[in-house]
Amino acid sequence: MTSRLLSRRTILSAGAASLMIPVTAGLTVPAQAKGLAPTPTMRGGANNYRPGAPIVDRIGGGGFWMTGTVRRAGDGAPLAGQRIQIWAHTTEGHERDPESHGATLTDANGEFRLEMPQIVPAFGQPHGHLAYDSGDFETVFLRPIMKSAKDKTLAAHFVLQPA
């Protein structure tokens, strides 16, 4: 009977099953995801920041789209319902003007999109300002620069570290 228990088929089946244990137990997924580092705050990102800017459907007359994503550091999970504030120097106002500021919320996929007036160069560079400042995660300020002042969109992506 001992020879039957240690047959080639038994040994191969046991070996294959032991190789599958980490995958079925979910042990390899977290190990792969731990490499997603949080987004650092960018220099100049907080310039003209206004705490508590209202959530809006659009800033001004529109025509330009600020887009992006918000994910959690570590596992990269999309973060729904996160408040992102956006402001810029535009064809309708300056960065410091309250009407040039607005906020939006991320959708179920962690994506956000807000229409605003065309961004124009300030200090020689066309750029936007974005902030995550809701408190569940560490505050992050971004200041992405556009490739061209003629661009009609600008994207920014946040990877947030729990506070």
Protein backbone atom coordinates (compact mmCIF):
# COMPACT_ATOMS: atom_id res chain seq x y z
CA MET A 1 0.00 0.00 0.00
CA THR A 2 2.86 2.37 0.65
CA SER A 3 3.92 2.21 -2.97
CA ARG A 4 0.43 3.26 -4.06
CA LEU A 5 0.42 6.35 -1.82
CA LEU A 6 3.72 7.52 -3.28
CA SER A 7 2.90 6.95 -6.91
CA ARG A 8 4.10 9.43 -9.51
CA ARG A 9 0.57 10.77 -9.94
CA THR A 10 0.18 11.40 -6.18
CA ILE A 11 3.50 13.22 -5.97
CA LEU A 12 2.75 15.40 -9.02
CA SER A 13 -0.74 16.25 -7.75
CA ALA A 14 0.57 17.22 -4.33
CA GLY A 15 3.33 19.33 -5.86
CA ALA A 16 0.93 21.18 -8.16
CA ALA A 17 -1.49 21.82 -5.32
CA SER A 18 1.26 23.25 -3.11
CA LEU A 19 2.27 25.68 -5.86
CA MET A 20 -1.29 27.01 -6.04
CA ILE A 21 -1.69 27.75 -2.32
CA PRO A 22 -0.13 31.26 -2.37
CA VAL A 23 -2.24 32.29 -5.38
CA THR A 24 -5.55 31.01 -4.03
CA ALA A 25 -4.82 32.43 -0.58
CA GLY A 26 -4.23 35.85 -2.12
CA LEU A 27 -0.67 36.05 -0.84
CA THR A 28 0.93 37.22 -4.07
CA VAL A 29 -1.43 40.12 -4.87
CA PRO A 30 -0.53 42.38 -1.91
CA ALA A 31 3.17 41.68 -2.43
CA GLN A 32 2.94 43.02 -6.00
CA ALA A 33 0.87 46.09 -5.07
CA LYS A 34 3.00 47.37 -2.18
CA GLY A 35 5.23 49.21 -4.66
CA LEU A 36 2.75 52.03 -5.43
CA ALA A 37 4.28 55.02 -3.66
CA PRO A 38 2.29 58.12 -2.62
CA THR A 39 2.41 61.23 -4.79
CA PRO A 40 4.65 63.92 -3.27
CA THR A 41 3.45 67.52 -3.10
CA MET A 42 4.88 69.61 -5.95
CA ARG A 43 6.76 72.84 -5.37
CA GLY A 44 4.45 75.79 -6.05
CA GLY A 45 1.36 73.58 -5.96
CA ALA A 46 -0.20 75.40 -3.00
CA ASN A 47 0.21 78.89 -4.49
CA ASN A 48 -3.09 80.81 -4.17
CA TYR A 49 -4.79 77.83 -2.51
CA ARG A 50 -8.20 78.63 -0.94
CA PRO A 51 -9.36 76.12 1.68
CA GLY A 52 -12.95 75.00 1.23
CA ALA A 53 -13.51 75.95 -2.42
CA PRO A 54 -17.07 74.88 -3.32
CA ILE A 55 -17.92 71.77 -5.31
CA VAL A 56 -19.05 72.99 -8.74
CA ASP A 57 -20.27 71.55 -12.04
CA ARG A 58 -17.98 73.88 -13.99
CA ILE A 59 -15.66 76.82 -13.39
CA GLY A 60 -16.61 79.84 -15.51
CA GLY A 61 -17.58 79.39 -19.15
CA GLY A 62 -15.63 76.18 -19.67
CA GLY A 63 -13.90 74.96 -22.82
CA PHE A 64 -10.92 73.30 -21.08
CA TRP A 65 -10.91 69.97 -19.18
CA MET A 66 -8.89 69.14 -16.08
CA THR A 67 -8.92 65.37 -15.56
CA GLY A 68 -7.20 62.75 -13.47
CA THR A 69 -7.35 59.82 -11.09
CA VAL A 70 -7.09 59.27 -7.36
CA ARG A 71 -5.73 55.98 -6.02
CA ARG A 72 -4.64 54.65 -2.64
CA ALA A 73 -0.92 54.16 -2.01
CA GLY A 74 0.11 50.56 -1.61
CA ASP A 75 -2.65 48.61 -3.31
CA GLY A 76 -3.56 51.19 -5.99
CA ALA A 77 -7.28 50.90 -5.32
CA PRO A 78 -9.36 53.68 -6.93
CA LEU A 79 -10.77 56.10 -4.35
CA ALA A 80 -14.38 57.15 -4.94
CA GLY A 81 -15.93 60.30 -3.47
CA GLN A 82 -12.63 62.14 -2.93
CA ARG A 83 -12.68 65.94 -3.17
CA ILE A 84 -10.18 67.50 -5.58
CA GLN A 85 -9.83 71.29 -5.70
CA ILE A 86 -8.76 72.87 -9.00
CA TRP A 87 -7.66 76.43 -9.83
CA ALA A 88 -5.60 78.18 -12.50
CA HIS A 89 -4.80 81.39 -14.33
CA THR A 90 -7.35 81.33 -17.18
CA THR A 91 -8.83 83.50 -19.90
CA GLU A 92 -11.48 84.52 -17.33
CA GLY A 93 -9.46 85.13 -14.18
CA HIS A 94 -6.30 84.82 -12.12
CA GLU A 95 -5.24 82.02 -9.77
CA ARG A 96 -5.91 84.25 -6.77
CA ASP A 97 -9.54 85.02 -7.78
CA PRO A 98 -12.21 83.06 -5.86
CA GLU A 99 -14.18 82.49 -9.08
CA SER A 100 -11.13 80.70 -10.58
CA HIS A 101 -11.40 77.98 -7.90
CA GLY A 102 -13.71 75.00 -7.73
CA ALA A 103 -13.77 71.41 -6.52
CA THR A 104 -15.12 68.13 -7.83
CA LEU A 105 -15.52 64.58 -6.52
CA THR A 106 -14.06 61.37 -7.90
CA ASP A 107 -16.41 58.77 -9.37
CA ALA A 108 -16.56 55.03 -8.54
CA ASN A 109 -13.40 54.46 -10.62
CA GLY A 110 -11.45 57.16 -8.77
CA GLU A 111 -11.62 59.46 -11.82
CA PHE A 112 -12.40 63.17 -11.84
CA ARG A 113 -13.16 65.67 -14.57
CA LEU A 114 -13.94 69.38 -14.32
CA GLU A 115 -14.54 71.84 -17.14
CA MET A 116 -13.04 75.31 -16.76
CA PRO A 117 -11.90 78.25 -18.91
CA GLN A 118 -8.78 77.88 -21.05
CA ILE A 119 -5.59 77.92 -18.96
CA VAL A 120 -3.15 80.63 -20.03
CA PRO A 121 0.52 81.12 -19.10
CA ALA A 122 1.33 82.63 -15.72
CA PHE A 123 4.99 83.34 -15.03
CA GLY A 124 5.80 82.00 -18.52
CA GLN A 125 4.20 78.57 -18.09
CA PRO A 126 0.62 77.39 -18.68
CA HIS A 127 -0.17 75.27 -15.62
CA GLY A 128 -2.94 74.19 -13.32
CA HIS A 129 -3.18 73.69 -9.58
CA LEU A 130 -4.88 70.77 -7.87
CA ALA A 131 -5.23 69.77 -4.25
CA TYR A 132 -6.46 66.81 -2.32
CA ASP A 133 -7.35 68.28 1.09
CA SER A 134 -10.21 66.26 2.57
CA GLY A 135 -8.47 64.81 5.61
CA ASP A 136 -8.80 61.02 5.16
CA PHE A 137 -5.42 61.03 3.42
CA GLU A 138 -2.36 63.27 3.55
CA THR A 139 -2.84 66.60 1.76
CA VAL A 140 -1.19 66.76 -1.68
CA PHE A 141 -0.77 69.81 -3.93
CA LEU A 142 0.05 69.38 -7.64
CA ARG A 143 1.15 71.91 -10.24
CA PRO A 144 1.22 70.15 -13.63
CA ILE A 145 2.61 72.13 -16.56
CA MET A 146 1.01 71.97 -19.99
CA LYS A 147 3.10 71.08 -23.05
CA SER A 148 1.45 73.90 -25.00
CA ALA A 149 -0.78 76.84 -24.13
CA LYS A 150 -3.04 75.60 -26.95
CA ASP A 151 -3.82 72.29 -25.18
CA LYS A 152 -7.48 71.82 -24.24
CA THR A 153 -6.89 69.27 -21.47
CA LEU A 154 -4.51 68.66 -18.58
CA ALA A 155 -4.34 65.49 -16.49
CA ALA A 156 -3.06 65.02 -12.95
CA HIS A 157 -2.93 61.81 -10.95
CA PHE A 158 -2.93 61.39 -7.19
CA VAL A 159 -1.72 58.40 -5.18
CA LEU A 160 -2.73 59.13 -1.60
CA GLN A 161 -1.26 57.97 1.70
CA PRO A 162 -3.70 57.53 4.61
CA ALA A 163 -3.40 60.36 7.14
